[in-house]
Amino acid sequence: MSIKIYHNPRCSKSRQTLQLLRDQGVAPEIIEYLKTPPSREELEQVLDMLGLEPRQLMRTREKEYKEQGLDNPSLSRDQLMDAMLATPKLIERPIVIRDGKAAIGRPPEQVLEIL
């Protein structure tokens, strides 16, 4: 069983989700996505697993979201993907992946659905 968590150690929800996994006896591969951002292919796979469009995986309250004009509804999927890849802080966190399934740990207990 391979489990990954896209993690930001400065985020309380991310820390809580990681602890929840550990409490379940899971030792996930930890990917600090701000240091090691996903590739375009990995981000596409995550979106597919979650059944989301790029904007739905974006942290719309981050100042970078507004500064980059990402609230513009005419932006294409590729433009939104480019923004997330260039500014990984915009990607919602934490994301847990297991066997082709993904869940966002908001709330942390939501990841239990894929365990």
Protein backbone atom coordinates (compact mmCIF):
# COMPACT_ATOMS: atom_id res chain seq x y z
CA MET A 1 0.00 0.00 0.00
CA SER A 2 1.60 3.23 -1.19
CA ILE A 3 0.32 6.45 0.32
CA LYS A 4 1.56 9.96 -0.45
CA ILE A 5 0.73 13.23 1.19
CA TYR A 6 1.31 16.58 -0.48
CA HIS A 7 2.21 18.39 2.73
CA ASN A 8 3.00 21.85 3.99
CA PRO A 9 4.44 21.60 7.51
CA ARG A 10 3.41 25.20 8.25
CA CYS A 11 -0.28 24.38 7.66
CA SER A 12 -2.25 23.15 10.68
CA LYS A 13 -4.67 21.08 8.56
CA SER A 14 -1.74 19.46 6.80
CA ARG A 15 -0.06 18.63 10.13
CA GLN A 16 -3.34 17.27 11.51
CA THR A 17 -3.86 15.09 8.44
CA LEU A 18 -0.33 13.71 8.64
CA GLN A 19 -0.86 12.90 12.33
CA LEU A 20 -4.18 11.25 11.53
CA LEU A 21 -2.46 9.02 8.98
CA ARG A 22 0.24 8.12 11.49
CA ASP A 23 -2.42 7.37 14.13
CA GLN A 24 -3.91 4.92 11.60
CA GLY A 25 -0.54 3.15 11.37
CA VAL A 26 0.26 4.68 7.98
CA ALA A 27 3.75 5.94 7.18
CA PRO A 28 3.10 8.00 4.03
CA GLU A 29 5.63 9.32 1.58
CA ILE A 30 5.74 13.00 2.48
CA ILE A 31 6.04 15.42 -0.41
CA GLU A 32 6.66 18.98 0.72
CA TYR A 33 5.12 20.42 -2.43
CA LEU A 34 6.37 23.96 -1.81
CA LYS A 35 9.95 22.61 -2.01
CA THR A 36 9.21 19.92 -4.61
CA PRO A 37 6.23 21.04 -6.70
CA PRO A 38 4.33 18.44 -8.71
CA SER A 39 4.93 18.14 -12.43
CA ARG A 40 2.14 19.09 -14.82
CA GLU A 41 1.43 15.38 -15.33
CA GLU A 42 1.24 14.74 -11.57
CA LEU A 43 -1.06 17.72 -11.08
CA GLU A 44 -3.30 16.52 -13.93
CA GLN A 45 -3.47 13.07 -12.30
CA VAL A 46 -4.40 14.58 -8.93
CA LEU A 47 -7.16 16.65 -10.54
CA ASP A 48 -8.48 13.55 -12.34
CA MET A 49 -8.46 11.48 -9.14
CA LEU A 50 -10.30 14.24 -7.28
CA GLY A 51 -12.69 14.91 -10.15
CA LEU A 52 -11.91 18.62 -9.97
CA GLU A 53 -11.08 21.43 -12.35
CA PRO A 54 -7.95 23.48 -11.62
CA ARG A 55 -9.74 26.43 -10.02
CA GLN A 56 -11.45 24.04 -7.58
CA LEU A 57 -8.03 22.96 -6.29
CA MET A 58 -6.77 26.52 -5.88
CA ARG A 59 -6.45 28.46 -2.67
CA THR A 60 -8.50 31.43 -3.82
CA ARG A 61 -7.87 33.46 -0.67
CA GLU A 62 -4.10 33.60 -1.16
CA LYS A 63 -2.87 37.07 -2.12
CA GLU A 64 -1.10 35.55 -5.13
CA TYR A 65 -4.46 34.43 -6.49
CA LYS A 66 -5.72 38.00 -6.65
CA GLU A 67 -2.35 39.51 -7.60
CA GLN A 68 -2.10 37.19 -10.62
CA GLY A 69 -5.68 37.93 -11.69
CA LEU A 70 -6.64 34.28 -11.36
CA ASP A 71 -10.22 35.19 -10.49
CA ASN A 72 -10.70 36.05 -14.18
CA PRO A 73 -13.32 33.53 -15.41
CA SER A 74 -11.95 33.64 -18.96
CA LEU A 75 -8.64 32.01 -17.99
CA SER A 76 -8.10 28.63 -19.60
CA ARG A 77 -7.39 25.35 -17.85
CA ASP A 78 -3.77 25.58 -19.07
CA GLN A 79 -3.37 29.09 -17.69
CA LEU A 80 -4.68 28.02 -14.29
CA MET A 81 -2.40 24.96 -14.32
CA ASP A 82 0.56 27.16 -15.25
CA ALA A 83 -0.22 29.42 -12.28
CA MET A 84 -0.36 26.49 -9.84
CA LEU A 85 2.89 25.07 -11.17
CA ALA A 86 4.64 28.45 -11.00
CA THR A 87 3.18 29.26 -7.57
CA PRO A 88 2.60 25.95 -5.73
CA LYS A 89 1.33 27.88 -2.70
CA LEU A 90 -1.92 28.19 -4.68
CA ILE A 91 -2.53 24.42 -4.55
CA GLU A 92 -4.98 23.32 -1.86
CA ARG A 93 -3.47 21.19 0.87
CA PRO A 94 -3.07 18.59 2.12
CA ILE A 95 -3.73 16.04 -0.59
CA VAL A 96 -3.46 12.34 0.19
CA ILE A 97 -3.12 9.77 -2.59
CA ARG A 98 -3.56 6.02 -2.31
CA ASP A 99 -3.86 3.47 -5.09
CA GLY A 100 -5.22 5.85 -7.72
CA LYS A 101 -7.55 7.66 -5.31
CA ALA A 102 -7.09 11.07 -3.77
CA ALA A 103 -8.65 13.13 -0.99
CA ILE A 104 -8.13 16.63 0.31
CA GLY A 105 -7.63 16.73 4.08
CA ARG A 106 -10.15 19.47 4.74
CA PRO A 107 -11.30 18.35 7.21
CA PRO A 108 -8.47 15.89 7.95
CA GLU A 109 -10.91 13.03 8.53
CA GLN A 110 -11.91 13.20 4.87
CA VAL A 111 -8.76 11.24 3.95
CA LEU A 112 -10.02 8.22 5.91
CA GLU A 113 -12.38 7.54 2.97
CA ILE A 114 -9.47 6.38 0.80
CA LEU A 115 -7.69 4.33 3.46
